[in-house]
Amino acid sequence: MNLAPWSEAWDELSRRKLRTLLTLLGLIFGVGAIVAMQGVGEGSRREALQMVESLGLNNIIVEAHPPGDDQALKELRKRSLGLTLADARAALAVVPGAQRFAAEKRIRTYAVFADGGGGSDLGASGVSPGYFELSSQRLAAGRGLTEADDRSLAAVAVLGHQAATELFPGGQALGRLVKVNQVWLRVVGVLADRDLDKDQFEGVPLGGAGNRVFVPLASAQARFRFEPMDDAVDRVLLRIDDPSRLAASARVLGDVLSRRHSGADDTRLIVPQQLYRQHQKTQRIFSIVMGAIAGVSLLVGGIGIMNIMLANVLERRREIGLLRAIGARRDDIVVRFLREAVVICVAGALIGVAFGALLAYLIAAFAGWHVAWAPLPIVASVVVCAAIGLAFSVYPARQAAALDPIEAIRAE
């Protein structure tokens, strides 16, 4: 490949540095906005998906929602016993597509200690078998909680990743003892670190499983003390077999709970899939606004390219006339000016990609967002930039080729 013509085009543009730089700015800002939008948007999408998966993308979540006032709670308990395992079993029998359920009851903790003397301010929960699977928790070591543990009221526990680190900073947690309030428990498993940077998504708490001690639900109900008017369980996860049925299943579940609780508004339903769609809708609005800004910048950059090319044609009329006089064809003149336009576009696109990447990381640093990259949108932004630049360069190039050689040579 002969690079001499391209080097000549670059030298020609370098002779007018300020004009070329001003032309590049529109392309740099346009491509940079697209790249930054893509990086932040893709990072936000992946982070949202990770957080929704922590809730269970195919789950419907029922949370106990009792009133905070004691008198109101007493009046409520005359109509509704609150959220119970019986509600979960009824939902499993009635809700279309329901496969299985898991439940959680939070334990009020005032002291959590390890057998070696290490203590920490951790939470604790009693969970039914299958809770870790439905809440997308993975085990890093040991085993989970089983039906046998539940039936035998076993004094065993699974630690979250952060809880294991705080209680046993210098050693192995498996097989060791932890004391939650007045109850000693043997550690049989440790959860993997899920590495979520946020503790809630669209206003829904993500549970904070990393700093909790999990015990079998039946053991928790038998060994720990709860308030008389507390809900039997605080949260129920109901797994639906088909994601397309989640909305209909949630409506049926809402009707089941309303009837079982005599119309009392003491529970709330959360459908993680709908939360994700709501987040994506907001993200699309952001992308449209940023895309419009980027499009305007590219359009301005294209107009700038047309201006510089027209100015170059006027300044180089004698050069064009001499080229035509020694045998250059009109197509040669068109290619010559389009080559300069390509150099401007490619330079603007490459600098714009670097600028956009820097801008994305700056936005992420200040806003606490994540950045992730997908190659296709970046390549597309470079191609669009080049296409716009070439489109706006065709007219000046054709104007140059249409000049009369004699008149061009005579031009001052």
Protein backbone atom coordinates (compact mmCIF):
# COMPACT_ATOMS: atom_id res chain seq x y z
CA MET A 1 0.00 0.00 0.00
CA ASN A 2 1.35 3.39 -1.05
CA LEU A 3 1.26 5.67 2.00
CA ALA A 4 2.76 8.70 0.24
CA PRO A 5 -0.63 10.23 -0.78
CA TRP A 6 -1.89 9.89 2.79
CA SER A 7 1.27 11.48 4.17
CA GLU A 8 0.83 14.31 1.68
CA ALA A 9 -2.77 14.80 2.82
CA TRP A 10 -1.63 14.96 6.46
CA ASP A 11 1.10 17.48 5.60
CA GLU A 12 -1.43 19.63 3.77
CA LEU A 13 -3.73 19.71 6.82
CA SER A 14 -0.80 20.30 9.18
CA ARG A 15 -0.02 23.54 7.43
CA ARG A 16 -3.32 24.93 8.71
CA LYS A 17 -3.13 23.66 12.30
CA LEU A 18 -5.65 25.96 13.97
CA ARG A 19 -8.26 25.49 11.27
CA THR A 20 -7.80 21.72 11.32
CA LEU A 21 -8.00 21.61 15.14
CA LEU A 22 -11.23 23.57 15.20
CA THR A 23 -12.66 21.19 12.62
CA LEU A 24 -11.60 18.19 14.67
CA LEU A 25 -13.32 19.43 17.85
CA GLY A 26 -16.83 18.72 16.62
CA LEU A 27 -15.89 15.16 15.67
CA ILE A 28 -13.96 14.61 18.91
CA PHE A 29 -16.87 15.75 21.07
CA GLY A 30 -19.39 13.77 19.04
CA VAL A 31 -17.48 10.49 19.09
CA GLY A 32 -16.43 11.10 22.69
CA ALA A 33 -20.05 11.55 23.79
CA ILE A 34 -21.06 8.33 22.05
CA VAL A 35 -18.18 6.35 23.56
CA ALA A 36 -18.74 7.77 27.06
CA MET A 37 -22.48 7.10 26.82
CA GLN A 38 -21.81 3.53 25.71
CA GLY A 39 -19.26 2.86 28.45
CA VAL A 40 -21.40 4.25 31.26
CA GLY A 41 -24.60 2.77 29.84
CA GLU A 42 -23.13 -0.71 29.41
CA GLY A 43 -21.60 -0.56 32.87
CA SER A 44 -24.94 0.50 34.35
CA ARG A 45 -26.75 -2.29 32.50
CA ARG A 46 -24.36 -4.98 33.73
CA GLU A 47 -24.43 -3.65 37.28
CA ALA A 48 -28.24 -3.55 37.24
CA LEU A 49 -28.39 -7.10 35.90
CA GLN A 50 -26.00 -8.28 38.61
CA MET A 51 -28.11 -6.65 41.32
CA VAL A 52 -31.36 -8.03 39.90
CA GLU A 53 -29.82 -11.50 39.71
CA SER A 54 -29.06 -11.18 43.42
CA LEU A 55 -32.82 -10.83 43.95
CA GLY A 56 -33.58 -13.63 41.49
CA LEU A 57 -34.60 -12.67 37.98
CA ASN A 58 -37.37 -15.32 37.93
CA ASN A 59 -38.54 -14.63 41.48
CA ILE A 60 -41.48 -12.85 43.00
CA ILE A 61 -40.54 -11.51 46.42
CA VAL A 62 -43.08 -11.05 49.19
CA GLU A 63 -41.93 -8.89 52.09
CA ALA A 64 -43.71 -8.37 55.39
CA HIS A 65 -44.75 -4.74 55.73
CA PRO A 66 -46.28 -4.25 59.18
CA PRO A 67 -47.08 -0.76 60.53
CA GLY A 68 -44.46 0.83 62.77
CA ASP A 69 -46.96 1.92 65.41
CA ASP A 70 -47.64 -0.65 68.18
CA GLN A 71 -51.35 0.19 68.47
CA ALA A 72 -51.83 -0.06 64.72
CA LEU A 73 -50.00 -3.40 64.77
CA LYS A 74 -52.35 -4.72 67.46
CA GLU A 75 -55.36 -3.72 65.39
CA LEU A 76 -53.80 -5.31 62.31
CA ARG A 77 -53.20 -8.62 64.09
CA LYS A 78 -56.91 -8.91 64.79
CA ARG A 79 -57.40 -9.40 61.03
CA SER A 80 -54.07 -10.82 59.83
CA LEU A 81 -51.43 -13.02 61.41
CA GLY A 82 -48.83 -11.52 59.10
CA LEU A 83 -46.62 -13.31 56.59
CA THR A 84 -46.29 -17.04 57.33
CA LEU A 85 -45.04 -20.23 55.74
CA ALA A 86 -48.68 -21.14 55.18
CA ASP A 87 -48.94 -18.15 52.83
CA ALA A 88 -45.94 -19.47 50.90
CA ARG A 89 -47.43 -22.96 50.63
CA ALA A 90 -50.76 -21.54 49.46
CA ALA A 91 -48.97 -19.46 46.84
CA LEU A 92 -47.05 -22.50 45.65
CA ALA A 93 -50.34 -24.38 45.19
CA VAL A 94 -52.29 -21.58 43.48
CA VAL A 95 -49.95 -19.22 41.61
CA PRO A 96 -49.48 -20.32 37.97
CA GLY A 97 -45.94 -21.41 37.17
CA ALA A 98 -44.80 -21.47 40.81
CA GLN A 99 -42.02 -24.04 41.23
CA ARG A 100 -40.74 -23.68 44.78
CA PHE A 101 -40.30 -21.15 47.55
CA ALA A 102 -37.85 -20.15 50.26
CA ALA A 103 -38.38 -18.02 53.34
CA GLU A 104 -36.30 -15.81 55.62
CA LYS A 105 -36.81 -14.58 59.18
CA ARG A 106 -34.42 -11.93 60.47
CA ILE A 107 -33.07 -12.37 63.97
CA ARG A 108 -32.51 -9.38 66.24
CA THR A 109 -28.88 -9.71 67.23
CA TYR A 110 -27.13 -8.01 70.14
CA ALA A 111 -23.91 -10.06 70.17
CA VAL A 112 -22.10 -12.23 67.62
CA PHE A 113 -18.83 -13.90 68.69
CA ALA A 114 -16.44 -16.51 67.35
CA ASP A 115 -15.04 -19.32 69.50
CA GLY A 116 -11.63 -17.72 69.33
CA GLY A 117 -12.90 -14.55 70.94
CA GLY A 118 -13.45 -12.47 67.78
CA GLY A 119 -16.64 -10.45 67.85
CA SER A 120 -18.48 -8.36 65.29
CA ASP A 121 -21.64 -6.35 64.73
CA LEU A 122 -23.32 -8.74 62.28
CA GLY A 123 -26.88 -9.61 61.37
CA ALA A 124 -28.46 -13.05 61.41
CA SER A 125 -31.33 -14.74 59.60
CA GLY A 126 -33.17 -18.02 59.71
CA VAL A 127 -33.68 -19.35 56.19
CA SER A 128 -35.47 -22.35 54.75
CA PRO A 129 -33.70 -24.96 52.57
CA GLY A 130 -33.18 -23.70 49.04
CA TYR A 131 -32.90 -20.06 50.09
CA PHE A 132 -29.34 -19.70 48.80
CA GLU A 133 -30.28 -21.12 45.40
CA LEU A 134 -33.32 -18.88 44.99
CA SER A 135 -31.38 -15.80 46.07
CA SER A 136 -28.50 -16.65 43.68
CA GLN A 137 -25.99 -17.16 46.48
CA ARG A 138 -23.01 -19.44 45.80
CA LEU A 139 -21.00 -21.33 48.36
CA ALA A 140 -17.26 -20.69 48.53
CA ALA A 141 -16.65 -23.51 51.01
CA GLY A 142 -18.57 -26.21 52.86
CA ARG A 143 -22.28 -26.91 52.34
CA GLY A 144 -25.59 -25.14 52.54
CA LEU A 145 -28.52 -25.67 54.92
CA THR A 146 -30.56 -28.82 54.27
CA GLU A 147 -34.00 -30.27 55.01
CA ALA A 148 -32.34 -32.52 57.59
CA ASP A 149 -30.93 -29.47 59.41
CA ASP A 150 -34.41 -27.97 59.48
CA ARG A 151 -36.13 -31.12 60.74
CA SER A 152 -33.56 -31.77 63.48
CA LEU A 153 -33.35 -28.11 64.57
CA ALA A 154 -29.59 -28.38 63.98
CA ALA A 155 -27.36 -25.77 65.60
CA VAL A 156 -25.45 -25.02 62.39
CA ALA A 157 -24.73 -21.87 60.44
CA VAL A 158 -23.58 -20.62 57.06
CA LEU A 159 -21.57 -17.39 57.11
CA GLY A 160 -21.57 -14.62 54.55
CA HIS A 161 -18.20 -13.78 53.04
CA GLN A 162 -17.71 -10.60 55.08
CA ALA A 163 -18.97 -12.26 58.27
CA ALA A 164 -16.46 -15.10 57.89
CA THR A 165 -13.63 -12.61 57.37
CA GLU A 166 -14.57 -10.52 60.42
CA LEU A 167 -15.16 -13.44 62.78
CA PHE A 168 -12.17 -15.51 61.64
CA PRO A 169 -9.69 -13.02 60.16
CA GLY A 170 -6.71 -15.32 60.35
CA GLY A 171 -8.09 -18.81 59.98
CA GLN A 172 -10.51 -21.33 58.53
CA ALA A 173 -14.18 -20.79 59.43
CA LEU A 174 -15.49 -24.28 58.61
CA GLY A 175 -16.07 -26.41 61.68
CA ARG A 176 -15.59 -23.50 64.07
CA LEU A 177 -18.20 -22.21 66.49
CA VAL A 178 -19.98 -18.86 66.49
CA LYS A 179 -22.28 -17.50 69.16
CA VAL A 180 -25.33 -15.50 68.05
CA ASN A 181 -26.97 -13.90 71.10
CA GLN A 182 -27.09 -16.84 73.51
CA VAL A 183 -26.91 -19.68 70.93
CA TRP A 184 -23.73 -21.51 69.85
CA LEU A 185 -23.70 -22.64 66.20
CA ARG A 186 -21.22 -24.71 64.22
CA VAL A 187 -20.14 -23.26 60.86
CA VAL A 188 -20.85 -25.67 57.97
CA GLY A 189 -20.49 -23.31 55.00
CA VAL A 190 -19.24 -19.93 53.78
CA LEU A 191 -20.87 -17.96 50.98
CA ALA A 192 -18.89 -16.57 48.05
CA ASP A 193 -18.38 -12.83 47.82
CA ARG A 194 -20.96 -11.40 45.43
CA ASP A 195 -19.13 -8.05 45.28
CA LEU A 196 -22.18 -5.75 45.04
CA ASP A 197 -21.23 -2.09 45.38
CA LYS A 198 -24.74 -0.96 46.33
CA ASP A 199 -27.03 -2.09 49.10
CA GLN A 200 -30.25 -1.37 47.22
CA PHE A 201 -31.67 -1.34 43.70
CA GLU A 202 -34.57 0.90 42.65
CA GLY A 203 -35.34 1.38 46.35
CA VAL A 204 -35.33 -2.37 47.14
CA PRO A 205 -32.76 -3.56 49.73
CA LEU A 206 -30.43 -6.24 48.39
CA GLY A 207 -30.25 -8.10 51.66
CA GLY A 208 -26.64 -7.62 52.71
CA ALA A 209 -26.00 -11.37 52.73
CA GLY A 210 -22.24 -10.87 52.99
CA ASN A 211 -22.36 -9.70 56.62
CA ARG A 212 -25.01 -12.12 57.94
CA VAL A 213 -25.05 -15.42 59.76
CA PHE A 214 -27.62 -17.86 58.33
CA VAL A 215 -29.21 -20.64 60.37
CA PRO A 216 -31.99 -23.14 59.51
CA LEU A 217 -35.39 -21.44 59.74
CA ALA A 218 -36.88 -24.00 62.12
CA SER A 219 -33.80 -23.73 64.35
CA ALA A 220 -34.11 -19.95 64.43
CA GLN A 221 -37.79 -20.12 65.38
CA ALA A 222 -37.05 -22.64 68.13
CA ARG A 223 -33.80 -21.23 69.56
CA PHE A 224 -34.20 -17.45 69.30
CA ARG A 225 -36.68 -15.06 70.86
CA PHE A 226 -39.08 -13.03 68.72
CA GLU A 227 -41.76 -10.50 69.56
CA PRO A 228 -45.27 -12.01 69.95
CA MET A 229 -46.77 -9.92 67.14
CA ASP A 230 -43.89 -10.36 64.70
CA ASP A 231 -44.51 -11.88 61.29
CA ALA A 232 -43.55 -15.57 61.26
CA VAL A 233 -41.28 -14.84 58.28
CA ASP A 234 -40.05 -11.52 56.91
CA ARG A 235 -39.53 -12.51 53.30
CA VAL A 236 -40.68 -15.20 50.88
CA LEU A 237 -39.03 -15.89 47.52
CA LEU A 238 -41.32 -17.60 45.02
CA ARG A 239 -39.64 -18.99 41.88
CA ILE A 240 -41.68 -18.88 38.65
CA ASP A 241 -40.81 -21.31 35.84
CA ASP A 242 -41.44 -18.95 32.91
CA PRO A 243 -40.26 -15.29 33.04
CA SER A 244 -43.08 -14.28 30.67
CA ARG A 245 -45.62 -15.29 33.32
CA LEU A 246 -44.17 -13.16 36.13
CA ALA A 247 -46.62 -10.27 35.79
CA ALA A 248 -49.69 -12.55 35.72
CA SER A 249 -48.32 -14.67 38.56
CA ALA A 250 -47.70 -11.55 40.66
CA ARG A 251 -51.34 -10.48 40.21
CA VAL A 252 -52.57 -13.90 41.34
CA LEU A 253 -50.18 -13.89 44.29
CA GLY A 254 -51.42 -10.45 45.31
CA ASP A 255 -55.02 -11.72 45.30
CA VAL A 256 -54.05 -14.81 47.33
CA LEU A 257 -52.33 -12.72 50.00
CA SER A 258 -55.17 -10.19 50.13
CA ARG A 259 -57.72 -12.94 50.78
CA ARG A 260 -55.60 -14.77 53.33
CA HIS A 261 -54.86 -11.53 55.18
CA SER A 262 -58.47 -10.26 55.07
CA GLY A 263 -57.52 -7.34 52.85
CA ALA A 264 -54.87 -6.04 55.26
CA ASP A 265 -52.07 -4.11 53.57
CA ASP A 266 -49.26 -5.79 55.52
CA THR A 267 -47.17 -7.21 52.66
CA ARG A 268 -45.59 -5.85 49.51
CA LEU A 269 -44.72 -7.61 46.28
CA ILE A 270 -41.44 -7.07 44.45
CA VAL A 271 -40.88 -8.38 40.91
CA PRO A 272 -37.14 -8.01 40.15
CA GLN A 273 -37.71 -8.40 36.42
CA GLN A 274 -40.00 -5.36 36.44
CA LEU A 275 -37.44 -3.40 38.43
CA TYR A 276 -34.86 -4.24 35.78
CA ARG A 277 -37.18 -3.14 32.98
CA GLN A 278 -37.90 0.11 34.80
CA HIS A 279 -34.17 0.71 35.17
CA GLN A 280 -33.61 -0.03 31.49
CA LYS A 281 -36.38 2.39 30.52
CA THR A 282 -34.64 5.14 32.47
CA GLN A 283 -31.34 4.13 30.89
CA ARG A 284 -32.85 4.35 27.39
CA ILE A 285 -34.02 7.91 28.05
CA PHE A 286 -30.48 8.80 29.14
CA SER A 287 -29.07 7.14 26.02
CA ILE A 288 -31.49 9.01 23.73
CA VAL A 289 -30.55 12.38 25.25
CA MET A 290 -26.83 11.63 25.05
CA GLY A 291 -27.22 10.26 21.53
CA ALA A 292 -28.99 13.43 20.42
CA ILE A 293 -26.18 15.57 21.87
CA ALA A 294 -23.59 13.37 20.17
CA GLY A 295 -25.49 13.55 16.88
CA VAL A 296 -25.57 17.35 16.99
CA SER A 297 -21.84 17.40 17.71
CA LEU A 298 -21.13 15.13 14.75
CA LEU A 299 -23.35 17.26 12.53
CA VAL A 300 -21.45 20.36 13.61
CA GLY A 301 -18.21 18.49 12.93
CA GLY A 302 -19.44 17.58 9.45
CA ILE A 303 -20.31 21.19 8.70
CA GLY A 304 -16.85 22.17 9.95
CA ILE A 305 -15.26 19.69 7.53
CA MET A 306 -17.27 21.16 4.66
CA ASN A 307 -16.14 24.66 5.63
CA ILE A 308 -12.46 23.77 5.79
CA MET A 309 -12.66 21.88 2.51
CA LEU A 310 -14.36 24.79 0.76
CA ALA A 311 -11.74 27.15 2.17
CA ASN A 312 -8.99 24.81 0.98
CA VAL A 313 -10.48 24.75 -2.51
CA LEU A 314 -10.49 28.55 -2.67
CA GLU A 315 -6.92 28.82 -1.38
CA ARG A 316 -5.56 26.08 -3.67
CA ARG A 317 -7.15 27.07 -6.97
CA ARG A 318 -3.76 27.60 -8.63
CA GLU A 319 -2.55 24.20 -7.39
CA ILE A 320 -5.72 22.56 -8.74
CA GLY A 321 -5.28 24.35 -12.08
CA LEU A 322 -1.66 23.19 -12.40
CA LEU A 323 -2.63 19.60 -11.57
CA ARG A 324 -5.32 19.65 -14.22
CA ALA A 325 -2.93 21.25 -16.71
CA ILE A 326 -0.34 18.44 -16.34
CA GLY A 327 -2.93 15.75 -16.88
CA ALA A 328 -4.78 15.14 -13.60
CA ARG A 329 -8.35 14.00 -14.13
CA ARG A 330 -11.36 15.30 -12.28
CA ASP A 331 -11.61 12.03 -10.37
CA ASP A 332 -7.99 12.51 -9.22
CA ILE A 333 -8.88 15.90 -7.76
CA VAL A 334 -11.97 14.49 -6.01
CA VAL A 335 -9.94 11.62 -4.52
CA ARG A 336 -7.24 14.05 -3.38
CA PHE A 337 -9.66 16.16 -1.35
CA LEU A 338 -11.62 13.17 -0.05
CA ARG A 339 -8.36 11.67 1.15
CA GLU A 340 -7.79 14.78 3.27
CA ALA A 341 -11.33 14.45 4.63
CA VAL A 342 -10.66 10.82 5.57
CA VAL A 343 -7.53 11.85 7.46
CA ILE A 344 -9.51 14.45 9.42
CA CYS A 345 -12.31 11.96 10.18
CA VAL A 346 -10.03 9.16 11.29
CA ALA A 347 -7.95 11.48 13.46
CA GLY A 348 -11.10 12.98 15.01
CA ALA A 349 -12.60 9.54 15.61
CA LEU A 350 -9.47 8.11 17.26
CA ILE A 351 -8.98 11.13 19.49
CA GLY A 352 -12.73 11.05 20.23
CA VAL A 353 -12.54 7.41 21.35
CA ALA A 354 -9.71 8.24 23.76
CA PHE A 355 -11.55 11.34 24.99
CA GLY A 356 -14.77 9.36 25.44
CA ALA A 357 -13.02 6.64 27.44
CA LEU A 358 -11.44 9.25 29.70
CA LEU A 359 -14.80 11.02 30.09
CA ALA A 360 -16.55 7.75 30.97
CA TYR A 361 -14.08 6.97 33.75
CA LEU A 362 -14.30 10.54 35.08
CA ILE A 363 -18.11 10.30 35.20
CA ALA A 364 -17.86 6.92 36.91
CA ALA A 365 -15.38 8.26 39.47
CA PHE A 366 -17.55 11.23 40.42
CA ALA A 367 -20.95 9.47 40.25
CA GLY A 368 -19.89 6.09 41.63
CA TRP A 369 -21.03 4.26 38.47
CA HIS A 370 -19.46 1.35 36.64
CA VAL A 371 -17.88 1.39 33.17
CA ALA A 372 -17.98 -1.53 30.74
CA TRP A 373 -17.22 -1.74 27.05
CA ALA A 374 -18.88 -3.39 24.08
CA PRO A 375 -16.78 -3.14 20.88
CA LEU A 376 -19.63 -2.88 18.38
CA PRO A 377 -20.95 0.59 19.44
CA ILE A 378 -17.40 1.98 19.48
CA VAL A 379 -16.69 0.69 15.96
CA ALA A 380 -20.08 1.99 14.84
CA SER A 381 -19.32 5.48 16.21
CA VAL A 382 -16.03 5.56 14.26
CA VAL A 383 -17.78 4.41 11.08
CA VAL A 384 -20.57 6.99 11.51
CA CYS A 385 -17.99 9.72 12.09
CA ALA A 386 -16.13 8.76 8.91
CA ALA A 387 -19.37 8.54 6.93
CA ILE A 388 -20.52 11.98 8.05
CA GLY A 389 -17.13 13.50 7.27
CA LEU A 390 -17.04 11.98 3.80
CA ALA A 391 -20.64 12.97 3.09
CA PHE A 392 -19.89 16.61 3.89
CA SER A 393 -16.68 16.49 1.85
CA VAL A 394 -18.16 15.31 -1.43
CA TYR A 395 -19.53 18.71 -2.43
CA PRO A 396 -16.25 20.66 -1.87
CA ALA A 397 -14.28 17.91 -3.67
CA ARG A 398 -16.61 18.06 -6.67
CA GLN A 399 -16.38 21.85 -6.65
CA ALA A 400 -12.59 21.56 -6.82
CA ALA A 401 -12.77 19.08 -9.67
CA ALA A 402 -15.16 21.31 -11.62
CA LEU A 403 -12.78 24.32 -11.70
CA ASP A 404 -11.65 25.47 -15.15
CA PRO A 405 -7.86 24.84 -15.33
CA ILE A 406 -7.04 28.10 -17.12
CA GLU A 407 -9.15 30.23 -14.78
CA ALA A 408 -7.68 28.39 -11.80
CA ILE A 409 -4.09 29.05 -12.91
CA ARG A 410 -4.81 32.72 -13.41
CA ALA A 411 -6.32 32.99 -9.91
CA GLU A 412 -4.31 34.91 -7.33
